[in-house]
C-alpha atoms as a PDB file:
ATOM      1  CA  MET A   1     145.506  91.826  92.292  1.00  0.00           C
ATOM      2  CA  LEU A   2     148.748  92.789  90.584  1.00  0.00           C
ATOM      3  CA  GLN A   3     150.742  89.690  89.667  1.00  0.00           C
ATOM      4  CA  ILE A   4     154.045  89.108  87.895  1.00  0.00           C
ATOM      5  CA  SER A   5     153.341  87.502  84.513  1.00  0.00           C
ATOM      6  CA  GLN A   6     156.753  87.635  82.819  1.00  0.00           C
ATOM      7  CA  LEU A   7     160.393  88.072  83.862  1.00  0.00           C
ATOM      8  CA  TYR A   8     163.282  88.813  81.524  1.00  0.00           C
ATOM      9  CA  ILE A   9     167.038  89.073  81.786  1.00  0.00           C
ATOM     10  CA  TYR A  10     169.349  90.427  79.087  1.00  0.00           C
ATOM     11  CA  PRO A  11     172.835  89.075  79.814  1.00  0.00           C
ATOM     12  CA  ILE A  12     174.513  90.959  76.940  1.00  0.00           C
ATOM     13  CA  LYS A  13     173.311  94.516  76.550  1.00  0.00           C
ATOM     14  CA  SER A  14     170.996  95.043  73.545  1.00  0.00           C
ATOM     15  CA  MET A  15     170.910  91.375  72.524  1.00  0.00           C
ATOM     16  CA  ALA A  16     167.869  89.113  72.794  1.00  0.00           C
ATOM     17  CA  GLY A  17     166.481  88.588  76.268  1.00  0.00           C
ATOM     18  CA  ILE A  18     165.775  85.388  78.162  1.00  0.00           C
ATOM     19  CA  SER A  19     162.305  84.715  79.536  1.00  0.00           C
ATOM     20  CA  VAL A  20     162.588  83.065  82.960  1.00  0.00           C
ATOM     21  CA  SER A  21     160.101  81.800  85.522  1.00  0.00           C
ATOM     22  CA  LYS A  22     162.266  82.864  88.454  1.00  0.00           C
ATOM     23  CA  ALA A  23     165.027  85.461  88.813  1.00  0.00           C
ATOM     24  CA  LYS A  24     167.582  86.200  91.507  1.00  0.00           C
ATOM     25  CA  VAL A  25     167.756  89.821  92.642  1.00  0.00           C
ATOM     26  CA  THR A  26     171.349  90.950  93.314  1.00  0.00           C
ATOM     27  CA  ASP A  27     172.840  94.263  94.376  1.00  0.00           C
ATOM     28  CA  ARG A  28     172.678  95.629  90.812  1.00  0.00           C
ATOM     29  CA  GLY A  29     169.585  93.966  89.344  1.00  0.00           C
ATOM     30  CA  PHE A  30     168.761  90.453  88.202  1.00  0.00           C
ATOM     31  CA  GLU A  31     171.644  88.003  88.225  1.00  0.00           C
ATOM     32  CA  TYR A  32     173.428  88.049  84.827  1.00  0.00           C
ATOM     33  CA  ASP A  33     171.361  90.997  83.591  1.00  0.00           C
ATOM     34  CA  ARG A  34     173.512  93.248  81.357  1.00  0.00           C
ATOM     35  CA  ARG A  35     176.762  92.152  82.941  1.00  0.00           C
ATOM     36  CA  TRP A  36     178.268  91.986  79.424  1.00  0.00           C
ATOM     37  CA  MET A  37     178.237  94.470  76.558  1.00  0.00           C
ATOM     38  CA  LEU A  38     179.933  95.180  73.253  1.00  0.00           C
ATOM     39  CA  VAL A  39     182.128  98.264  72.866  1.00  0.00           C
ATOM     40  CA  ASP A  40     183.717  99.964  69.871  1.00  0.00           C
ATOM     41  CA  ALA A  41     187.335 101.020  69.385  1.00  0.00           C
ATOM     42  CA  ASN A  42     186.795 103.937  71.790  1.00  0.00           C
ATOM     43  CA  ASN A  43     185.312 101.635  74.453  1.00  0.00           C
ATOM     44  CA  MET A  44     181.891 103.208  73.905  1.00  0.00           C
ATOM     45  CA  PHE A  45     178.932 100.837  74.247  1.00  0.00           C
ATOM     46  CA  LEU A  46     177.175  99.490  71.178  1.00  0.00           C
ATOM     47  CA  SER A  47     173.462  98.783  70.931  1.00  0.00           C
ATOM     48  CA  GLN A  48     170.752  98.075  68.389  1.00  0.00           C
ATOM     49  CA  ARG A  49     170.653 101.814  67.744  1.00  0.00           C
ATOM     50  CA  GLU A  50     173.920 101.504  65.823  1.00  0.00           C
ATOM     51  CA  VAL A  51     173.956  97.750  65.104  1.00  0.00           C
ATOM     52  CA  PRO A  52     170.372  96.442  64.748  1.00  0.00           C
ATOM     53  CA  GLU A  53     171.710  92.941  63.958  1.00  0.00           C
ATOM     54  CA  MET A  54     172.385  92.572  67.681  1.00  0.00           C
ATOM     55  CA  ALA A  55     168.692  91.690  67.980  1.00  0.00           C
ATOM     56  CA  LEU A  56     169.468  88.454  66.108  1.00  0.00           C
ATOM     57  CA  MET A  57     171.855  87.267  68.828  1.00  0.00           C
ATOM     58  CA  ASP A  58     170.060  84.707  71.016  1.00  0.00           C
ATOM     59  CA  VAL A  59     171.520  84.063  74.465  1.00  0.00           C
ATOM     60  CA  VAL A  60     171.088  80.982  76.654  1.00  0.00           C
ATOM     61  CA  ILE A  61     172.703  80.339  80.031  1.00  0.00           C
ATOM     62  CA  VAL A  62     174.429  76.944  80.030  1.00  0.00           C
ATOM     63  CA  ALA A  63     176.838  75.212  82.403  1.00  0.00           C
ATOM     64  CA  GLU A  64     179.868  76.584  80.535  1.00  0.00           C
ATOM     65  CA  GLY A  65     178.601  80.176  80.477  1.00  0.00           C
ATOM     66  CA  LEU A  66     176.522  82.081  77.952  1.00  0.00           C
ATOM     67  CA  GLN A  67     175.782  80.339  74.691  1.00  0.00           C
ATOM     68  CA  VAL A  68     175.262  83.032  72.074  1.00  0.00           C
ATOM     69  CA  SER A  69     173.830  82.036  68.684  1.00  0.00           C
ATOM     70  CA  TYR A  70     173.587  84.229  65.611  1.00  0.00           C
ATOM     71  CA  ARG A  71     170.092  83.475  64.334  1.00  0.00           C
ATOM     72  CA  PRO A  72     170.716  83.751  60.539  1.00  0.00           C
ATOM     73  CA  ASP A  73     173.240  80.885  60.512  1.00  0.00           C
ATOM     74  CA  ASN A  74     172.615  79.397  63.987  1.00  0.00           C
ATOM     75  CA  SER A  75     176.344  79.459  64.726  1.00  0.00           C
ATOM     76  CA  PRO A  76     177.165  79.524  68.459  1.00  0.00           C
ATOM     77  CA  VAL A  77     179.944  80.784  70.690  1.00  0.00           C
ATOM     78  CA  ILE A  78     180.408  80.217  74.424  1.00  0.00           C
ATOM     79  CA  VAL A  79     181.101  83.233  76.622  1.00  0.00           C
ATOM     80  CA  PRO A  80     182.561  82.165  79.996  1.00  0.00           C
ATOM     81  CA  LEU A  81     180.854  83.509  83.102  1.00  0.00           C
ATOM     82  CA  THR A  82     184.282  84.546  84.406  1.00  0.00           C
ATOM     83  CA  PRO A  83     186.623  86.135  81.833  1.00  0.00           C
ATOM     84  CA  ALA A  84     190.003  84.479  81.470  1.00  0.00           C
ATOM     85  CA  THR A  85     191.855  87.726  80.695  1.00  0.00           C
ATOM     86  CA  ASP A  86     193.246  90.244  83.134  1.00  0.00           C
ATOM     87  CA  GLU A  87     192.766  93.123  80.683  1.00  0.00           C
ATOM     88  CA  PHE A  88     190.637  95.967  82.011  1.00  0.00           C
ATOM     89  CA  ALA A  89     189.590  99.334  80.610  1.00  0.00           C
ATOM     90  CA  GLU A  90     187.322 102.256  81.340  1.00  0.00           C
ATOM     91  CA  VAL A  91     184.183 101.801  79.242  1.00  0.00           C
ATOM     92  CA  THR A  92     181.371 104.261  78.604  1.00  0.00           C
ATOM     93  CA  VAL A  93     177.598 103.824  78.867  1.00  0.00           C
ATOM     94  CA  TRP A  94     175.911 107.101  77.986  1.00  0.00           C
ATOM     95  CA  ASP A  95     177.346 109.651  80.454  1.00  0.00           C
ATOM     96  CA  ASP A  96     178.867 107.048  82.781  1.00  0.00           C
ATOM     97  CA  THR A  97     182.375 105.627  82.711  1.00  0.00           C
ATOM     98  CA  CYS A  98     183.207 102.492  84.668  1.00  0.00           C
ATOM     99  CA  THR A  99     185.658  99.610  84.667  1.00  0.00           C
ATOM    100  CA  GLY A 100     185.025  96.647  82.398  1.00  0.00           C
ATOM    101  CA  GLN A 101     187.004  93.455  81.850  1.00  0.00           C
ATOM    102  CA  PHE A 102     187.656  92.194  78.319  1.00  0.00           C
ATOM    103  CA  VAL A 103     186.486  88.626  77.745  1.00  0.00           C
ATOM    104  CA  GLY A 104     188.836  87.375  75.010  1.00  0.00           C
ATOM    105  CA  ALA A 105     190.196  87.997  71.525  1.00  0.00           C
ATOM    106  CA  GLU A 106     188.603  84.925  69.942  1.00  0.00           C
ATOM    107  CA  ILE A 107     185.164  85.935  71.154  1.00  0.00           C
ATOM    108  CA  ASP A 108     185.782  89.501  69.941  1.00  0.00           C
ATOM    109  CA  ARG A 109     186.551  88.175  66.460  1.00  0.00           C
ATOM    110  CA  TRP A 110     183.377  86.083  66.454  1.00  0.00           C
ATOM    111  CA  PHE A 111     181.136  89.058  67.301  1.00  0.00           C
ATOM    112  CA  SER A 112     182.993  91.358  64.896  1.00  0.00           C
ATOM    113  CA  THR A 113     182.546  88.878  62.042  1.00  0.00           C
ATOM    114  CA  LYS A 114     178.868  88.129  62.672  1.00  0.00           C
ATOM    115  CA  LEU A 115     177.910  91.780  63.134  1.00  0.00           C
ATOM    116  CA  ASN A 116     180.260  93.076  60.433  1.00  0.00           C
ATOM    117  CA  THR A 117     181.577  95.731  62.811  1.00  0.00           C
ATOM    118  CA  SER A 118     184.749  95.902  64.865  1.00  0.00           C
ATOM    119  CA  CYS A 119     183.848  95.361  68.508  1.00  0.00           C
ATOM    120  CA  ARG A 120     184.987  93.801  71.780  1.00  0.00           C
ATOM    121  CA  LEU A 121     183.017  92.122  74.559  1.00  0.00           C
ATOM    122  CA  VAL A 122     183.458  93.373  78.107  1.00  0.00           C
ATOM    123  CA  TYR A 123     182.214  92.076  81.455  1.00  0.00           C
ATOM    124  CA  MET A 124     181.345  94.079  84.559  1.00  0.00           C
ATOM    125  CA  PRO A 125     183.326  92.633  87.498  1.00  0.00           C
ATOM    126  CA  ASP A 126     181.775  92.502  90.957  1.00  0.00           C
ATOM    127  CA  GLY A 127     184.150  95.245  92.074  1.00  0.00           C
ATOM    128  CA  THR A 128     182.725  97.746  89.583  1.00  0.00           C
ATOM    129  CA  LYS A 129     180.002  99.819  91.214  1.00  0.00           C
ATOM    130  CA  ARG A 130     178.149 101.945  88.680  1.00  0.00           C
ATOM    131  CA  ILE A 131     175.965 104.449  90.523  1.00  0.00           C
ATOM    132  CA  THR A 132     172.501 105.243  89.192  1.00  0.00           C
ATOM    133  CA  ASP A 133     171.470 108.799  88.329  1.00  0.00           C
ATOM    134  CA  GLN A 134     171.474 110.625  91.665  1.00  0.00           C
ATOM    135  CA  ARG A 135     168.859 113.112  90.467  1.00  0.00           C
ATOM    136  CA  TYR A 136     166.267 110.352  90.748  1.00  0.00           C
ATOM    137  CA  ALA A 137     167.624 107.364  92.674  1.00  0.00           C
ATOM    138  CA  PRO A 138     169.015 106.826  96.198  1.00  0.00           C
ATOM    139  CA  GLU A 139     172.766 107.246  96.532  1.00  0.00           C
ATOM    140  CA  ASN A 140     173.372 103.599  97.432  1.00  0.00           C
ATOM    141  CA  SER A 141     171.719 102.144  94.310  1.00  0.00           C
ATOM    142  CA  ILE A 142     173.907 100.669  91.592  1.00  0.00           C
ATOM    143  CA  THR A 143     173.272  99.108  88.216  1.00  0.00           C
ATOM    144  CA  SER A 144     175.063  97.017  85.605  1.00  0.00           C
ATOM    145  CA  PHE A 145     175.501  98.028  81.939  1.00  0.00           C
ATOM    146  CA  SER A 146     171.791  98.919  81.686  1.00  0.00           C
ATOM    147  CA  ASP A 147     170.887 102.284  80.206  1.00  0.00           C
ATOM    148  CA  GLY A 148     170.536 103.696  83.704  1.00  0.00           C
ATOM    149  CA  TYR A 149     168.663 101.637  86.288  1.00  0.00           C
ATOM    150  CA  PRO A 150     168.509  98.036  87.544  1.00  0.00           C
ATOM    151  CA  PHE A 151     164.943  97.266  86.444  1.00  0.00           C
ATOM    152  CA  LEU A 152     162.228  98.299  84.003  1.00  0.00           C
ATOM    153  CA  ILE A 153     158.605  97.408  84.756  1.00  0.00           C
ATOM    154  CA  ILE A 154     155.666  97.489  82.324  1.00  0.00           C
ATOM    155  CA  GLY A 155     152.060  96.476  82.905  1.00  0.00           C
ATOM    156  CA  GLN A 156     150.477  94.107  80.401  1.00  0.00           C
ATOM    157  CA  ALA A 157     147.453  96.425  80.437  1.00  0.00           C
ATOM    158  CA  SER A 158     149.678  99.222  79.114  1.00  0.00           C
ATOM    159  CA  LEU A 159     150.772  97.166  76.122  1.00  0.00           C
ATOM    160  CA  ASN A 160     147.190  96.011  75.541  1.00  0.00           C
ATOM    161  CA  ASP A 161     146.069  99.642  75.472  1.00  0.00           C
ATOM    162  CA  LEU A 162     148.802 100.544  72.989  1.00  0.00           C
ATOM    163  CA  ASN A 163     148.008  97.562  70.770  1.00  0.00           C
ATOM    164  CA  SER A 164     144.356  98.548  70.702  1.00  0.00           C
ATOM    165  CA  ARG A 165     145.469 101.763  68.977  1.00  0.00           C
ATOM    166  CA  LEU A 166     147.823 100.143  66.455  1.00  0.00           C
ATOM    167  CA  GLY A 167     146.957  98.632  63.098  1.00  0.00           C
ATOM    168  CA  GLU A 168     149.157  95.636  63.923  1.00  0.00           C
ATOM    169  CA  PRO A 169     149.872  94.612  67.527  1.00  0.00           C
ATOM    170  CA  ILE A 170     153.479  94.405  68.695  1.00  0.00           C
ATOM    171  CA  PRO A 171     155.021  92.066  71.284  1.00  0.00           C
ATOM    172  CA  MET A 172     156.398  93.075  74.656  1.00  0.00           C
ATOM    173  CA  ASN A 173     159.968  92.333  73.559  1.00  0.00           C
ATOM    174  CA  ARG A 174     160.075  95.629  71.642  1.00  0.00           C
ATOM    175  CA  PHE A 175     160.300  97.413  75.014  1.00  0.00           C
ATOM    176  CA  ARG A 176     162.792  95.121  76.802  1.00  0.00           C
ATOM    177  CA  PRO A 177     161.256  95.086  80.306  1.00  0.00           C
ATOM    178  CA  ASN A 178     162.577  93.063  83.237  1.00  0.00           C
ATOM    179  CA  ILE A 179     159.220  92.735  85.004  1.00  0.00           C
ATOM    180  CA  VAL A 180     155.776  92.483  83.416  1.00  0.00           C
ATOM    181  CA  PHE A 181     152.628  92.300  85.530  1.00  0.00           C
ATOM    182  CA  THR A 182     148.932  91.737  85.016  1.00  0.00           C
ATOM    183  CA  GLY A 183     146.070  93.478  86.786  1.00  0.00           C
ATOM    184  CA  GLY A 184     145.231  97.121  87.295  1.00  0.00           C
ATOM    185  CA  GLU A 185     144.663  99.879  84.774  1.00  0.00           C
ATOM    186  CA  PRO A 186     146.793 100.794  81.757  1.00  0.00           C
ATOM    187  CA  PHE A 187     149.897 102.697  82.852  1.00  0.00           C
ATOM    188  CA  GLY A 188     149.336 101.885  86.482  1.00  0.00           C
ATOM    189  CA  GLU A 189     153.109 101.421  86.734  1.00  0.00           C
ATOM    190  CA  ASP A 190     153.509 105.192  86.244  1.00  0.00           C
ATOM    191  CA  LEU A 191     152.108 105.820  89.696  1.00  0.00           C
ATOM    192  CA  MET A 192     154.029 103.162  91.616  1.00  0.00           C
ATOM    193  CA  HIS A 193     156.255 104.912  94.127  1.00  0.00           C
ATOM    194  CA  THR A 194     157.088 101.827  96.189  1.00  0.00           C
ATOM    195  CA  PHE A 195     155.914  98.214  96.013  1.00  0.00           C
ATOM    196  CA  THR A 196     157.115  94.911  97.377  1.00  0.00           C
ATOM    197  CA  VAL A 197     157.469  91.430  95.960  1.00  0.00           C
ATOM    198  CA  GLY A 198     157.972  89.165  98.943  1.00  0.00           C
ATOM    199  CA  ASP A 199     160.647  90.759 101.129  1.00  0.00           C
ATOM    200  CA  ILE A 200     162.140  92.882  98.341  1.00  0.00           C
ATOM    201  CA  GLU A 201     161.117  96.518  98.024  1.00  0.00           C
ATOM    202  CA  PHE A 202     161.106  98.242  94.645  1.00  0.00           C
ATOM    203  CA  ARG A 203     160.925 101.978  94.111  1.00  0.00           C
ATOM    204  CA  GLY A 204     159.777 103.695  90.943  1.00  0.00           C
ATOM    205  CA  VAL A 205     162.263 106.458  90.185  1.00  0.00           C
ATOM    206  CA  LYS A 206     161.762 107.611  86.609  1.00  0.00           C
ATOM    207  CA  LEU A 207     159.424 106.957  83.705  1.00  0.00           C
ATOM    208  CA  CYS A 208     161.287 105.415  80.791  1.00  0.00           C
ATOM    209  CA  ALA A 209     161.940 107.753  77.847  1.00  0.00           C
ATOM    210  CA  ARG A 210     161.906 105.592  74.750  1.00  0.00           C
ATOM    211  CA  CYS A 211     164.661 105.573  72.134  1.00  0.00           C
ATOM    212  CA  PRO A 212     164.140 104.234  68.559  1.00  0.00           C
ATOM    213  CA  ILE A 213     164.768 100.573  69.495  1.00  0.00           C
ATOM    214  CA  PRO A 214     161.025  99.799  69.909  1.00  0.00           C
ATOM    215  CA  THR A 215     160.599 100.594  66.206  1.00  0.00           C
ATOM    216  CA  ILE A 216     162.859  97.637  65.263  1.00  0.00           C
ATOM    217  CA  ASP A 217     161.153  94.300  64.663  1.00  0.00           C
ATOM    218  CA  GLN A 218     163.221  91.908  66.780  1.00  0.00           C
ATOM    219  CA  GLN A 219     162.758  89.051  64.306  1.00  0.00           C
ATOM    220  CA  THR A 220     163.112  90.734  60.909  1.00  0.00           C
ATOM    221  CA  LEU A 221     165.004  93.965  61.804  1.00  0.00           C
ATOM    222  CA  GLU A 222     162.400  95.872  59.814  1.00  0.00           C
ATOM    223  CA  ARG A 223     162.130  99.477  61.003  1.00  0.00           C
ATOM    224  CA  GLY A 224     158.962 101.522  61.071  1.00  0.00           C
ATOM    225  CA  LYS A 225     157.387 104.549  62.698  1.00  0.00           C
ATOM    226  CA  GLU A 226     155.383 102.518  65.173  1.00  0.00           C
ATOM    227  CA  PRO A 227     154.888 102.248  68.066  1.00  0.00           C
ATOM    228  CA  LEU A 228     156.508 105.622  68.761  1.00  0.00           C
ATOM    229  CA  LYS A 229     154.223 107.488  66.363  1.00  0.00           C
ATOM    230  CA  THR A 230     151.125 106.343  68.238  1.00  0.00           C
ATOM    231  CA  LEU A 231     152.688 106.677  71.683  1.00  0.00           C
ATOM    232  CA  ALA A 232     153.605 110.283  70.892  1.00  0.00           C
ATOM    233  CA  ARG A 233     149.911 111.103  70.631  1.00  0.00           C
ATOM    234  CA  TYR A 234     149.200 110.288  74.253  1.00  0.00           C
ATOM    235  CA  ARG A 235     152.453 109.457  76.050  1.00  0.00           C
ATOM    236  CA  PHE A 236     154.455 112.602  75.257  1.00  0.00           C
ATOM    237  CA  LYS A 237     155.813 114.831  77.993  1.00  0.00           C
ATOM    238  CA  ASP A 238     158.794 117.195  78.197  1.00  0.00           C
ATOM    239  CA  ASN A 239     159.777 116.238  74.631  1.00  0.00           C
ATOM    240  CA  LYS A 240     159.994 112.551  75.561  1.00  0.00           C
ATOM    241  CA  ILE A 241     157.861 109.534  74.665  1.00  0.00           C
ATOM    242  CA  LEU A 242     157.300 107.564  77.871  1.00  0.00           C
ATOM    243  CA  PHE A 243     156.474 103.894  78.327  1.00  0.00           C
ATOM    244  CA  GLY A 244     157.295 101.865  81.440  1.00  0.00           C
ATOM    245  CA  GLN A 245     158.966 102.867  84.679  1.00  0.00           C
ATOM    246  CA  ASN A 246     162.548 102.428  85.860  1.00  0.00           C
ATOM    247  CA  LEU A 247     163.060 100.911  89.301  1.00  0.00           C
ATOM    248  CA  VAL A 248     165.679 100.634  92.019  1.00  0.00           C
ATOM    249  CA  HIS A 249     165.392  98.182  94.889  1.00  0.00           C
ATOM    250  CA  ASN A 250     166.236  97.320  98.462  1.00  0.00           C
ATOM    251  CA  GLY A 251     166.886  93.695  99.364  1.00  0.00           C
ATOM    252  CA  ARG A 252     167.997  90.515  97.678  1.00  0.00           C
ATOM    253  CA  GLY A 253     166.416  87.162  96.975  1.00  0.00           C
ATOM    254  CA  ASN A 254     164.280  85.494  94.330  1.00  0.00           C
ATOM    255  CA  ILE A 255     161.095  86.623  92.647  1.00  0.00           C
ATOM    256  CA  ALA A 256     158.974  84.471  90.366  1.00  0.00           C
ATOM    257  CA  VAL A 257     156.191  84.547  87.841  1.00  0.00           C
ATOM    258  CA  GLY A 258     152.956  84.409  89.822  1.00  0.00           C
ATOM    259  CA  ASP A 259     154.253  86.505  92.717  1.00  0.00           C
ATOM    260  CA  GLU A 260     152.027  89.355  93.871  1.00  0.00           C
ATOM    261  CA  LEU A 261     153.030  93.009  93.736  1.00  0.00           C
ATOM    262  CA  GLN A 262     151.964  94.827  96.882  1.00  0.00           C
ATOM    263  CA  VAL A 263     151.825  98.576  96.211  1.00  0.00           C
ATOM    264  CA  LYS A 264     152.819 100.486  99.353  1.00  0.00           C
ATOM    265  CA  GLN A 265     152.845 104.073  98.136  1.00  0.00           C
ATOM    266  CA  LEU A 266     151.652 105.874  95.022  1.00  0.00           C
ATOM    267  CA  ASN A 267     153.026 108.916  93.252  1.00  0.00           C
ATOM    268  CA  HIS A 268     150.577 111.779  93.249  1.00  0.00           C
ATOM    269  CA  GLU A 269     151.892 113.640  90.212  1.00  0.00           C
ATOM    270  CA  GLU A 270     149.408 114.531  87.524  1.00  0.00           C
ATOM    271  CA  ARG A 271     148.879 111.739  85.033  1.00  0.00           C
ATOM    272  CA  PHE A 272     149.072 112.697  81.371  1.00  0.00           C
ATOM    273  CA  PHE A 273     147.424 109.552  80.067  1.00  0.00           C
ATOM    274  CA  ILE A 274     144.635 110.412  77.618  1.00  0.00           C
ATOM    275  CA  SER A 275     141.868 107.903  77.104  1.00  0.00           C
ATOM    276  CA  ALA A 276     140.528 109.541  73.925  1.00  0.00           C
ATOM    277  CA  ARG A 277     141.604 107.886  70.672  1.00  0.00           C
END
């Protein structure tokens, strides 16, 4: 049986995630997931690729909004769930441009000071509909400020297989999934075309090409060659290192740790997984 073992949301893009036991599925992914992000002076998104210290920003959802704490000095700021400004701008995430709403000057100063880089925090209003890549996903699917899709799924067996090849095991947070499941074979998520969790249908649309973020230790910010060096030996295709699968969905509701994944249809493309070490 395939069973959800972990769920994560990342309210502010590229900052620390929140492990939850239950998550609400909305039109564009989990509620709160990547509805906020930092942008530079050109309104281009910022991530750990440029500012690795973003990994040290812990986020908690509280009654007043998002409580963000900078781990080195444990200083907090509250980000309201609804911005108080009426200042909007076109912001850029990779090749996409969409409308974001600025949250507030005081909060901008806080992030700029802690991260030692000039930046502003923006929110994605409900009226902003960012379409997913139409080469892979249905035309009616939208996402938030994620890299491209509403969800990323990884099997625990896949990480276990990778860790068995590494000198030092790494945690799942290096890969920033939304859904982790137990059961099945390593990289079984590669072949999931459609599956359901309760009444919600998920569709696998594209294997996830990994950027350098998994090489950043999320506690110490230490960079290394792993795990990408090892993954490149057996998870390399079309000049990309692949780990996890991006998903779109149909339906809304709640899913929870312990829920069963019911696979309805498999992809029949050739697998490139190599069992030899």
